[in-house]
Protein backbone atom coordinates (compact mmCIF):
# COMPACT_ATOMS: atom_id res chain seq x y z
CA MET A 1 218.92 103.85 35.64
CA ARG A 2 220.67 100.78 36.90
CA PHE A 3 224.16 102.23 36.58
CA ILE A 4 223.75 105.82 37.76
CA ARG A 5 221.89 107.58 40.55
CA PHE A 6 221.60 111.33 40.88
CA PHE A 7 222.92 112.77 44.14
CA GLU A 8 219.60 114.46 44.90
CA THR A 9 217.96 111.03 45.21
CA LEU A 10 220.55 109.37 47.45
CA THR A 11 220.21 108.65 51.16
CA MET A 12 222.23 106.59 53.60
CA ASP A 13 220.02 103.64 52.65
CA ASP A 14 221.89 103.67 49.31
CA VAL A 15 225.34 102.95 50.81
CA PRO A 16 225.44 99.35 49.45
CA LEU A 17 224.57 100.65 46.00
CA VAL A 18 226.78 103.75 45.67
CA GLY A 19 229.11 103.78 48.67
CA GLY A 20 229.24 105.94 51.75
CA LYS A 21 230.71 109.13 50.28
CA ASN A 22 228.15 109.31 47.49
CA ALA A 23 225.27 108.56 49.84
CA SER A 24 226.53 111.20 52.27
CA PHE A 25 226.76 113.72 49.45
CA GLY A 26 223.12 112.99 48.62
CA GLU A 27 222.14 113.56 52.23
CA MET A 28 224.11 116.81 52.30
CA ILE A 29 222.37 118.10 49.17
CA GLN A 30 218.95 117.24 50.55
CA SER A 31 219.75 118.99 53.84
CA LEU A 32 221.44 122.11 52.48
CA GLN A 33 219.45 123.01 49.37
CA PRO A 34 216.27 123.84 51.33
CA LEU A 35 218.39 126.26 53.38
CA GLY A 36 219.46 128.07 50.22
CA VAL A 37 222.97 126.63 50.14
CA ARG A 38 223.98 125.98 46.55
CA VAL A 39 225.47 122.54 46.09
CA ALA A 40 226.74 121.15 42.79
CA SER A 41 224.55 118.54 41.18
CA GLY A 42 225.91 115.29 39.87
CA PHE A 43 225.59 111.53 39.87
CA ALA A 44 227.14 108.39 41.30
CA LEU A 45 228.03 105.19 39.51
CA THR A 46 226.46 102.17 41.15
CA ALA A 47 227.97 98.89 42.25
CA ASP A 48 225.97 97.35 39.38
CA ALA A 49 227.96 99.50 36.94
CA TYR A 50 231.22 98.18 38.39
CA GLU A 51 229.97 94.58 38.18
CA ALA A 52 228.89 95.13 34.56
CA LEU A 53 232.38 96.40 33.74
CA LEU A 54 233.96 93.34 35.33
CA ASP A 55 231.65 91.12 33.30
CA GLU A 56 232.98 92.51 30.02
CA LYS A 57 235.08 90.02 28.09
CA GLY A 58 238.28 89.28 29.96
CA VAL A 59 238.16 92.20 32.41
CA ARG A 60 237.50 90.20 35.58
CA LYS A 61 240.23 87.66 34.75
CA ALA A 62 242.77 90.32 33.76
CA LEU A 63 242.15 92.25 36.97
CA GLY A 64 242.30 89.08 39.06
CA ASP A 65 245.57 88.02 37.42
CA ALA A 66 247.13 91.45 37.95
CA LEU A 67 246.10 91.51 41.61
CA ALA A 68 247.27 87.93 42.18
CA ALA A 69 250.71 88.88 40.87
CA LEU A 70 251.15 91.55 43.57
CA ASP A 71 253.53 90.82 46.41
CA ALA A 72 252.21 92.48 49.56
CA SER A 73 255.72 92.58 51.04
CA GLU A 74 256.74 94.95 48.24
CA ILE A 75 253.82 97.34 48.47
CA TRP A 76 256.09 100.30 47.81
CA ARG A 77 256.69 99.02 44.25
CA HIS A 78 253.03 98.58 43.34
CA GLY A 79 252.87 101.90 41.53
CA VAL A 80 254.56 100.16 38.61
CA ARG A 81 251.74 97.56 38.43
CA ARG A 82 249.07 100.23 38.84
CA ASP A 83 249.66 101.32 35.25
CA ALA A 84 249.03 97.79 33.99
CA ILE A 85 245.73 97.52 35.89
């Protein structure tokens, strides 16, 4: 399970792996379920999953090229490029 982690297993120690919001959701589930609060189950994609996607043929280069073409002074126009990324 390198690419997914179930919320019920996540703690704040997992922030580097799944990000702060996902880790916080895991903490919330672990704290609230014993009190009888029903919380939706689910899973988080890991940073390893994102890296694996970038390693697919041409993805990292295509994303890098698209980001390099952005002009920070025209941030208001970046919605047009968003569709290409």
